[in-house]
Amino acid sequence: MPQSSQLQTPRRTSGFRAGEARTIGPAVVIVGGGFGGLACARALAGAPVDVTLVDARDYHLFTPLLYQVATALLNPADIAYPFRAVLRRARNVRFHQGTVTAVDLDRRSLATASGRELAYDYLVLATGSVSDYFGNPKLEQATLGMKSLPQAQRLRNHVLACLEQAAQLPDAAARAEWLTFVVVGGGPTGVEFAGALGELKRLVGREYPEFSSEEMRIVVVEGTGRLLPTFPEKLGRYAERVLERRTVEVCTGVVTTDAGPEGASLSNGETIATRTVVWSAGVRARGVDGIESLATGRAQRLQIDERLRLGGREEVFVVGDLAEGLPMLSAPAKQQGRYAARSIVAAVDGKQRAQPFRYRDKGTMAVIGRNAAVADVFGLQLTGFVGWVAWLTVHLYYLVGFRNRAAVFFNWGWDYLRRDRPTRLITTVDPDPVVAALTGGR
């Protein structure tokens, strides 16, 4: 396909609603409504283009707080917000719920599981990431993940059910495997989840008279030499000290080689008897059917040029975790999404953005528990209460929706004052074939 520095595009219509043609301008399809995809859609609001945001879910998920759903602090609705509500004022942006099953770059179209074919003039791929089990299907089957809302809810149910099971057993030896929780991966997610379990441990001491809270064992297993390996060493060492003071066992320089009903096997020869192994050891890009051959490396990310374009195609942009080259975090994804939107608007106007994409690193944060967090912001390293307040402020600010901010702030305050986890409910939902067909099982 010939390439040019300026792409002149025809006007297309999506045809999603019978009898209603969209003729504002060229068709832009955004696949994935995570941080990068939603940032791109919002940046294109009011632009002379027809935008369709496609996602298997009908809500944007604030993934940094998933672990708080998994540890019974927040409700699922507190960290999710409907796409249609976010985009209701953007007249040129519409949402289409569906799972993309194939992308045809030459025909400039993609297909969904429902049989729809969506034509585009510009395509933004922002499919995000999934857990990476390093090619070990047994670990994938035997461990509990935390990359989606259903996974977080399942993990919450599992943890609470383990406590209830332990309460029905007669002695400490029988209870041990139910009260032992192994967290694989000492990155931000693993550290935050382990710290939250430590907070939950205090509640166990008050509400479970059948056993002592000291029987509850939390183990973090990290393959590198310290926790938070992507943070400055000082912050990683601080996180380890805080967790250990809160009776969390930290095993560094050790990897999990196997897991099953009998427990978790470590590379140092130790086997930990447990019914709970939580996986937070790595992620890889969520693949896009039809262009898998373009993915490279273990993480299956797509190679892009300095303007976020795929394979030199001026009409295809890749942002977020799917794009190779930057950390798989929300901040790069949002900056890339906004850059892609500005590039599309410039191309529609017959121009090309002069400057390639440059990531402005604003820092990274991780919370360890009450009054303890670490932050590396513009080279300034924060720990303890100051870091904790900074973490709370940043996460409240970036939550989507005033209602969600208010609910999260209230639950955080309630937990801080009462040391109470307000969503300790073991709930299940019967599968629905209509929902399964729409979401593709996600």
Protein backbone atom coordinates (compact mmCIF):
# COMPACT_ATOMS: atom_id res chain seq x y z
CA MET A 1 0.00 0.00 0.00
CA PRO A 2 1.59 3.34 -0.94
CA GLN A 3 2.46 5.67 1.88
CA SER A 4 2.51 9.45 1.87
CA SER A 5 3.31 12.11 4.40
CA GLN A 6 -0.23 13.44 4.23
CA LEU A 7 -3.20 11.10 4.19
CA GLN A 8 -6.35 12.30 2.45
CA THR A 9 -9.28 10.25 3.71
CA PRO A 10 -12.82 9.84 2.41
CA ARG A 11 -15.86 10.35 4.54
CA ARG A 12 -17.36 7.08 5.73
CA THR A 13 -20.36 6.09 7.77
CA SER A 14 -20.35 3.42 10.44
CA GLY A 15 -23.93 2.30 9.99
CA PHE A 16 -24.36 1.26 13.62
CA ARG A 17 -27.88 2.66 13.85
CA ALA A 18 -30.41 1.88 11.16
CA GLY A 19 -31.47 4.94 9.21
CA GLU A 20 -28.90 7.19 10.90
CA ALA A 21 -25.82 8.04 8.88
CA ARG A 22 -22.84 9.77 10.40
CA THR A 23 -21.24 12.26 8.04
CA ILE A 24 -19.19 14.53 10.27
CA GLY A 25 -15.93 13.37 8.79
CA PRO A 26 -13.53 10.44 8.45
CA ALA A 27 -14.29 7.36 10.55
CA VAL A 28 -12.03 6.73 13.53
CA VAL A 29 -12.29 3.38 15.32
CA ILE A 30 -10.65 2.98 18.73
CA VAL A 31 -10.27 -0.60 19.92
CA GLY A 32 -10.08 -0.71 23.71
CA GLY A 33 -11.42 1.68 26.33
CA GLY A 34 -8.62 1.56 28.85
CA PHE A 35 -6.55 4.59 29.79
CA GLY A 36 -5.10 5.10 26.31
CA GLY A 37 -8.25 4.41 24.32
CA LEU A 38 -10.50 6.55 26.49
CA ALA A 39 -7.99 9.42 26.50
CA CYS A 40 -7.95 9.31 22.69
CA ALA A 41 -11.76 9.26 22.46
CA ARG A 42 -12.14 12.19 24.83
CA ALA A 43 -9.48 14.18 23.00
CA LEU A 44 -11.37 13.66 19.73
CA ALA A 45 -14.67 14.96 21.17
CA GLY A 46 -15.83 17.82 18.98
CA ALA A 47 -13.26 17.13 16.26
CA PRO A 48 -14.40 16.82 12.60
CA VAL A 49 -14.33 13.01 12.72
CA ASP A 50 -16.78 10.16 13.43
CA VAL A 51 -15.41 8.21 16.41
CA THR A 52 -16.44 4.73 17.49
CA LEU A 53 -15.00 3.30 20.70
CA VAL A 54 -15.13 -0.51 20.75
CA ASP A 55 -14.69 -2.53 23.93
CA ALA A 56 -15.87 -5.91 25.20
CA ARG A 57 -16.97 -4.23 28.45
CA ASP A 58 -19.38 -1.33 28.71
CA TYR A 59 -17.30 0.48 31.33
CA HIS A 60 -13.91 2.06 31.85
CA LEU A 61 -12.01 0.33 34.64
CA PHE A 62 -9.62 2.13 36.98
CA THR A 63 -7.22 -0.79 37.26
CA PRO A 64 -4.84 0.67 39.91
CA LEU A 65 -7.55 0.09 42.54
CA LEU A 66 -8.54 -3.44 41.54
CA TYR A 67 -6.66 -4.85 44.52
CA GLN A 68 -8.97 -2.87 46.84
CA VAL A 69 -11.98 -4.63 45.33
CA ALA A 70 -10.14 -7.93 45.83
CA THR A 71 -9.57 -7.13 49.53
CA ALA A 72 -13.16 -6.02 50.26
CA LEU A 73 -12.50 -2.29 50.66
CA LEU A 74 -14.24 -0.97 47.52
CA ASN A 75 -17.31 -2.00 45.57
CA PRO A 76 -16.80 -2.91 41.90
CA ALA A 77 -18.91 0.10 40.83
CA ASP A 78 -16.55 2.44 42.71
CA ILE A 79 -13.76 1.92 40.20
CA ALA A 80 -15.77 1.45 37.00
CA TYR A 81 -17.68 4.02 34.98
CA PRO A 82 -19.96 3.42 31.94
CA PHE A 83 -18.51 4.53 28.64
CA ARG A 84 -21.84 5.95 27.54
CA ALA A 85 -21.91 8.19 30.62
CA VAL A 86 -18.34 9.38 30.04
CA LEU A 87 -19.03 10.19 26.38
CA ARG A 88 -22.62 11.44 26.53
CA ARG A 89 -21.63 15.03 25.72
CA ALA A 90 -19.35 14.04 22.85
CA ARG A 91 -21.80 14.10 19.93
CA ASN A 92 -19.30 12.72 17.44
CA VAL A 93 -18.25 9.80 19.65
CA ARG A 94 -20.22 6.61 20.05
CA PHE A 95 -19.66 3.41 21.97
CA HIS A 96 -20.00 -0.07 20.50
CA GLN A 97 -19.79 -3.05 22.83
CA GLY A 98 -18.19 -6.03 21.21
CA THR A 99 -15.09 -8.18 20.94
CA VAL A 100 -12.86 -7.59 17.93
CA THR A 101 -12.14 -10.92 16.24
CA ALA A 102 -10.12 -9.79 13.21
CA VAL A 103 -8.41 -6.74 11.76
CA ASP A 104 -7.82 -6.34 8.02
CA LEU A 105 -5.26 -3.59 7.60
CA ASP A 106 -5.41 -3.63 3.80
CA ARG A 107 -9.20 -3.31 3.62
CA ARG A 108 -9.24 -0.92 6.60
CA SER A 109 -11.88 -2.86 8.44
CA LEU A 110 -12.33 -4.99 11.51
CA ALA A 111 -14.84 -7.64 12.51
CA THR A 112 -16.51 -8.28 15.87
CA ALA A 113 -17.81 -11.47 17.46
CA SER A 114 -21.38 -10.40 16.71
CA GLY A 115 -20.65 -10.44 12.97
CA ARG A 116 -20.40 -6.66 12.50
CA GLU A 117 -17.80 -5.28 10.13
CA LEU A 118 -16.55 -1.81 11.00
CA ALA A 119 -14.82 0.30 8.37
CA TYR A 120 -12.30 2.92 9.39
CA ASP A 121 -10.20 5.68 7.95
CA TYR A 122 -8.08 5.81 11.10
CA LEU A 123 -7.57 3.01 13.58
CA VAL A 124 -6.28 3.29 17.16
CA LEU A 125 -5.33 0.01 18.80
CA ALA A 126 -5.43 0.22 22.59
CA THR A 127 -6.30 -3.31 23.72
CA GLY A 128 -4.27 -3.23 26.95
CA SER A 129 -2.67 -6.21 28.63
CA VAL A 130 -3.36 -9.53 30.32
CA SER A 131 -1.44 -11.58 32.88
CA ASP A 132 1.67 -13.32 31.58
CA TYR A 133 2.36 -16.80 32.95
CA PHE A 134 5.61 -17.26 31.00
CA GLY A 135 4.25 -20.20 29.03
CA ASN A 136 3.28 -22.22 32.10
CA PRO A 137 -0.38 -23.29 31.70
CA LYS A 138 -0.41 -24.97 35.10
CA LEU A 139 0.40 -21.69 36.84
CA GLU A 140 -2.31 -19.99 34.81
CA GLN A 141 -4.88 -22.55 35.91
CA ALA A 142 -3.85 -22.80 39.58
CA THR A 143 -3.35 -19.12 40.44
CA LEU A 144 -5.72 -16.20 40.89
CA GLY A 145 -5.24 -13.10 38.75
CA MET A 146 -6.16 -9.47 39.29
CA LYS A 147 -6.34 -7.88 35.83
CA SER A 148 -10.09 -7.50 35.45
CA LEU A 149 -13.15 -6.76 37.57
CA PRO A 150 -14.44 -10.36 37.46
CA GLN A 151 -11.01 -11.59 38.54
CA ALA A 152 -10.91 -9.13 41.45
CA GLN A 153 -14.40 -10.15 42.56
CA ARG A 154 -13.47 -13.82 42.34
CA LEU A 155 -10.36 -13.17 44.42
CA ARG A 156 -12.42 -11.32 47.06
CA ASN A 157 -14.89 -14.21 47.22
CA HIS A 158 -12.02 -16.68 47.48
CA VAL A 159 -10.22 -14.87 50.30
CA LEU A 160 -13.41 -14.45 52.34
CA ALA A 161 -14.40 -18.07 51.71
CA CYS A 162 -10.99 -19.24 52.93
CA LEU A 163 -11.55 -17.36 56.20
CA GLU A 164 -14.98 -18.96 56.61
CA GLN A 165 -13.57 -22.40 55.86
CA ALA A 166 -10.84 -21.90 58.45
CA ALA A 167 -13.44 -20.87 61.04
CA GLN A 168 -15.06 -24.32 60.74
CA LEU A 169 -11.90 -26.35 61.35
CA PRO A 170 -10.91 -27.63 64.80
CA ASP A 171 -7.20 -26.86 65.10
CA ALA A 172 -4.42 -24.62 63.80
CA ALA A 173 -2.77 -27.40 61.74
CA ALA A 174 -5.95 -27.98 59.76
CA ARG A 175 -6.50 -24.25 59.29
CA ALA A 176 -2.98 -23.41 58.13
CA GLU A 177 -3.44 -23.97 54.39
CA TRP A 178 -6.68 -21.94 54.38
CA LEU A 179 -5.05 -19.03 56.19
CA THR A 180 -1.87 -18.91 54.10
CA PHE A 181 -1.86 -16.47 51.17
CA VAL A 182 1.00 -16.48 48.65
CA VAL A 183 1.46 -13.44 46.40
CA VAL A 184 3.67 -14.12 43.37
CA GLY A 185 5.37 -10.93 42.22
CA GLY A 186 6.79 -8.09 44.27
CA GLY A 187 5.96 -5.24 41.91
CA PRO A 188 3.45 -2.49 42.77
CA THR A 189 0.40 -4.76 42.42
CA GLY A 190 1.86 -7.52 44.57
CA VAL A 191 3.07 -5.12 47.25
CA GLU A 192 -0.25 -3.27 47.38
CA PHE A 193 -2.29 -6.47 47.58
CA ALA A 194 -0.06 -7.93 50.30
CA GLY A 195 -0.30 -4.69 52.30
CA ALA A 196 -4.09 -4.71 51.96
CA LEU A 197 -4.23 -8.31 53.16
CA GLY A 198 -2.21 -7.17 56.16
CA GLU A 199 -4.90 -4.58 56.89
CA LEU A 200 -7.58 -7.25 56.53
CA LYS A 201 -5.69 -9.32 59.08
CA ARG A 202 -6.53 -6.77 61.77
CA LEU A 203 -10.21 -7.22 61.04
CA VAL A 204 -9.88 -10.99 61.29
CA GLY A 205 -8.69 -10.60 64.87
CA ARG A 206 -11.92 -8.80 65.78
CA GLU A 207 -14.52 -10.77 63.89
CA TYR A 208 -13.26 -14.37 63.81
CA PRO A 209 -13.17 -15.67 67.39
CA GLU A 210 -12.70 -19.21 66.04
CA PHE A 211 -8.97 -18.57 65.42
CA SER A 212 -6.22 -16.05 66.10
CA SER A 213 -5.23 -13.45 63.54
CA GLU A 214 -1.63 -14.58 64.08
CA GLU A 215 -2.51 -17.77 62.24
CA MET A 216 -3.01 -15.78 59.05
CA ARG A 217 0.19 -15.96 56.97
CA ILE A 218 1.00 -13.71 54.00
CA VAL A 219 4.00 -14.45 51.78
CA VAL A 220 5.32 -12.31 48.89
CA VAL A 221 7.57 -14.12 46.41
CA GLU A 222 9.72 -11.94 44.13
CA GLY A 223 12.19 -13.30 41.59
CA THR A 224 14.60 -10.34 41.69
CA GLY A 225 16.74 -9.30 44.63
CA ARG A 226 14.23 -6.83 46.12
CA LEU A 227 10.67 -5.61 46.04
CA LEU A 228 9.55 -2.93 43.56
CA PRO A 229 12.45 -3.57 41.16
CA THR A 230 11.35 -0.74 38.82
CA PHE A 231 11.53 1.81 41.67
CA PRO A 232 14.70 3.31 43.16
CA GLU A 233 16.37 0.83 45.51
CA LYS A 234 15.71 3.00 48.58
CA LEU A 235 11.97 2.79 48.02
CA GLY A 236 12.03 -0.96 47.43
CA ARG A 237 13.93 -1.53 50.67
CA TYR A 238 11.49 0.71 52.53
CA ALA A 239 8.53 -1.27 51.23
CA GLU A 240 10.15 -4.51 52.37
CA ARG A 241 10.76 -3.18 55.88
CA VAL A 242 7.17 -1.94 56.21
CA LEU A 243 5.67 -5.23 55.05
CA GLU A 244 7.87 -7.24 57.39
CA ARG A 245 6.92 -5.01 60.34
CA ARG A 246 3.31 -5.85 59.46
CA THR A 247 4.10 -9.59 59.62
CA VAL A 248 4.22 -10.13 55.86
CA GLU A 249 6.96 -12.58 54.85
CA VAL A 250 9.11 -11.41 51.93
CA CYS A 251 11.03 -13.94 49.82
CA THR A 252 13.28 -12.28 47.23
CA GLY A 253 15.54 -13.92 44.68
CA VAL A 254 13.07 -16.81 44.47
CA VAL A 255 10.60 -17.74 41.74
CA THR A 256 7.44 -19.82 41.86
CA THR A 257 7.99 -22.94 39.79
CA ASP A 258 4.69 -24.74 40.31
CA ALA A 259 1.30 -24.36 41.96
CA GLY A 260 -1.64 -26.63 42.60
CA PRO A 261 -4.08 -27.84 45.26
CA GLU A 262 -1.17 -28.85 47.49
CA GLY A 263 0.37 -25.39 47.47
CA ALA A 264 3.14 -23.41 45.77
CA SER A 265 6.61 -24.75 44.95
CA LEU A 266 9.53 -22.32 45.00
CA SER A 267 12.88 -22.45 43.24
CA ASN A 268 14.70 -22.74 46.58
CA GLY A 269 13.07 -26.13 47.17
CA GLU A 270 10.42 -24.90 49.60
CA THR A 271 6.78 -25.85 49.23
CA ILE A 272 4.18 -23.64 50.90
CA ALA A 273 0.92 -25.37 51.76
CA THR A 274 -1.82 -22.96 50.70
CA ARG A 275 -5.18 -22.76 48.98
CA THR A 276 -4.44 -19.26 47.64
CA VAL A 277 -1.74 -18.28 45.14
CA VAL A 278 -2.23 -14.79 43.69
CA TRP A 279 -0.45 -14.01 40.42
CA SER A 280 1.00 -10.54 39.88
CA ALA A 281 4.34 -11.50 38.37
CA GLY A 282 4.02 -10.13 34.87
CA VAL A 283 1.84 -8.95 32.01
CA ARG A 284 1.84 -9.15 28.23
CA ALA A 285 -0.06 -7.27 25.58
CA ARG A 286 -3.56 -8.41 24.75
CA GLY A 287 -3.29 -9.73 21.24
CA VAL A 288 -5.31 -8.46 18.29
CA ASP A 289 -6.52 -11.18 15.93
CA GLY A 290 -5.39 -10.60 12.39
CA ILE A 291 -2.13 -8.87 13.21
CA GLU A 292 -0.56 -11.34 15.68
CA SER A 293 2.36 -11.79 13.29
CA LEU A 294 3.39 -8.19 13.91
CA ALA A 295 3.81 -8.74 17.67
CA THR A 296 7.37 -9.11 18.93
CA GLY A 297 9.13 -10.22 22.09
CA ARG A 298 7.86 -12.13 25.10
CA ALA A 299 5.33 -9.44 25.99
CA GLN A 300 3.80 -9.62 22.46
CA ARG A 301 3.82 -5.85 21.98
CA LEU A 302 3.65 -4.14 18.60
CA GLN A 303 6.54 -2.20 17.12
CA ILE A 304 5.71 1.41 16.35
CA ASP A 305 7.56 4.37 14.91
CA GLU A 306 8.26 7.67 16.67
CA ARG A 307 4.73 8.85 15.86
CA LEU A 308 3.04 5.75 17.31
CA ARG A 309 2.17 4.38 13.86
CA LEU A 310 2.12 0.66 13.12
CA GLY A 311 4.40 -0.54 10.33
CA GLY A 312 4.64 2.92 8.82
CA ARG A 313 0.91 3.02 8.10
CA GLU A 314 -0.21 6.59 8.57
CA GLU A 315 -3.76 5.58 9.49
CA VAL A 316 -3.00 3.01 12.24
CA PHE A 317 -1.87 4.08 15.72
CA VAL A 318 -0.93 1.86 18.65
CA VAL A 319 -1.09 3.18 22.22
CA GLY A 320 -0.80 1.92 25.78
CA ASP A 321 0.36 -1.55 26.83
CA LEU A 322 0.12 -2.85 23.25
CA ALA A 323 2.78 -0.39 22.06
CA GLU A 324 6.41 -1.35 22.47
CA GLY A 325 8.94 0.92 24.12
CA LEU A 326 7.41 2.45 27.25
CA PRO A 327 6.39 1.11 30.69
CA MET A 328 3.01 -0.61 30.75
CA LEU A 329 1.44 2.04 32.98
CA SER A 330 -1.56 4.35 32.78
CA ALA A 331 0.42 7.60 32.39
CA PRO A 332 2.19 6.67 29.13
CA ALA A 333 -1.06 5.23 27.77
CA LYS A 334 -3.00 8.45 28.35
CA GLN A 335 -0.27 10.62 26.86
CA GLN A 336 -0.08 8.35 23.81
CA GLY A 337 -3.86 8.38 23.42
CA ARG A 338 -3.99 12.17 23.39
CA TYR A 339 -1.05 12.35 20.97
CA ALA A 340 -2.77 9.94 18.58
CA ALA A 341 -5.92 12.08 18.70
CA ARG A 342 -3.99 15.25 17.87
CA SER A 343 -2.21 13.45 15.03
CA ILE A 344 -5.52 12.32 13.53
CA VAL A 345 -6.96 15.83 13.69
CA ALA A 346 -3.82 17.21 12.06
CA ALA A 347 -4.02 14.62 9.26
CA VAL A 348 -7.69 15.42 8.62
CA ASP A 349 -6.63 19.04 8.23
CA GLY A 350 -4.02 17.95 5.67
CA LYS A 351 -1.07 18.35 8.03
CA GLN A 352 1.38 16.16 9.84
CA ARG A 353 2.48 16.68 13.42
CA ALA A 354 6.01 18.03 13.37
CA GLN A 355 7.13 16.56 16.68
CA PRO A 356 7.37 12.83 17.39
CA PHE A 357 5.81 11.49 20.57
CA ARG A 358 7.76 12.18 23.75
CA TYR A 359 6.76 10.67 27.06
CA ARG A 360 6.81 13.02 30.04
CA ASP A 361 7.52 10.82 33.05
CA LYS A 362 5.63 12.17 36.05
CA GLY A 363 6.74 9.40 38.37
CA THR A 364 5.46 6.18 39.94
CA MET A 365 3.74 5.33 43.22
CA ALA A 366 2.77 2.32 45.30
CA VAL A 367 0.89 2.13 48.59
CA ILE A 368 1.92 -0.41 51.23
CA GLY A 369 -0.89 0.14 53.71
CA ARG A 370 -2.14 2.59 56.28
CA ASN A 371 0.11 5.68 56.44
CA ALA A 372 2.76 4.03 54.27
CA ALA A 373 3.48 4.44 50.58
CA VAL A 374 6.38 5.11 48.23
CA ALA A 375 6.52 7.64 45.42
CA ASP A 376 9.15 8.70 42.93
CA VAL A 377 7.87 11.97 41.48
CA PHE A 378 10.11 14.13 39.29
CA GLY A 379 13.12 12.63 41.04
CA LEU A 380 11.72 13.36 44.51
CA GLN A 381 11.45 10.19 46.60
CA LEU A 382 8.63 10.14 49.14
CA THR A 383 7.89 7.53 51.79
CA GLY A 384 5.66 7.08 54.82
CA PHE A 385 2.71 9.35 55.56
CA VAL A 386 3.70 11.99 52.99
CA GLY A 387 3.93 9.39 50.25
CA TRP A 388 0.61 7.91 51.40
CA VAL A 389 -1.20 11.26 51.16
CA ALA A 390 0.34 11.86 47.73
CA TRP A 391 -0.83 8.42 46.58
CA LEU A 392 -4.39 9.04 47.86
CA THR A 393 -4.58 12.46 46.20
CA VAL A 394 -3.32 11.31 42.80
CA HIS A 395 -5.60 8.28 42.63
CA LEU A 396 -8.68 10.24 43.68
CA TYR A 397 -7.90 12.89 41.07
CA TYR A 398 -7.59 10.44 38.18
CA LEU A 399 -10.71 8.42 38.98
CA VAL A 400 -13.41 8.91 36.35
CA GLY A 401 -16.70 10.30 37.67
CA PHE A 402 -17.57 12.49 40.67
CA ARG A 403 -19.73 9.75 42.18
CA ASN A 404 -16.81 7.33 42.09
CA ARG A 405 -14.47 9.84 43.72
CA ALA A 406 -17.00 10.50 46.49
CA ALA A 407 -17.63 6.78 47.09
CA VAL A 408 -13.94 5.92 47.19
CA PHE A 409 -13.15 8.85 49.49
CA PHE A 410 -15.94 7.80 51.86
CA ASN A 411 -14.83 4.15 51.95
CA TRP A 412 -11.22 5.13 52.53
CA GLY A 413 -12.27 7.41 55.38
CA TRP A 414 -14.52 4.74 56.89
CA ASP A 415 -11.73 2.19 56.79
CA TYR A 416 -9.20 4.64 58.23
CA LEU A 417 -11.41 5.59 61.18
CA ARG A 418 -13.07 2.23 61.84
CA ARG A 419 -10.52 -0.25 60.44
CA ASP A 420 -13.43 -1.87 58.66
CA ARG A 421 -13.73 -3.44 55.21
CA PRO A 422 -17.30 -2.56 54.20
CA THR A 423 -17.76 -4.91 51.22
CA ARG A 424 -17.11 -8.30 52.82
CA LEU A 425 -19.66 -10.16 50.73
CA ILE A 426 -19.27 -13.55 49.09
CA THR A 427 -21.38 -13.14 45.97
CA THR A 428 -21.73 -15.10 42.76
CA VAL A 429 -23.52 -14.42 39.49
CA ASP A 430 -25.05 -17.07 37.28
CA PRO A 431 -23.59 -16.97 33.76
CA ASP A 432 -25.80 -15.41 31.12
CA PRO A 433 -25.45 -16.49 27.47
CA VAL A 434 -26.41 -13.04 26.12
CA VAL A 435 -23.71 -11.33 28.20
CA ALA A 436 -21.16 -14.02 27.30
CA ALA A 437 -21.83 -13.54 23.59
CA LEU A 438 -21.46 -9.77 23.90
CA THR A 439 -18.30 -9.69 26.02
CA GLY A 440 -16.49 -12.65 24.52
CA GLY A 441 -16.02 -14.10 28.00
CA ARG A 442 -14.13 -11.09 29.38
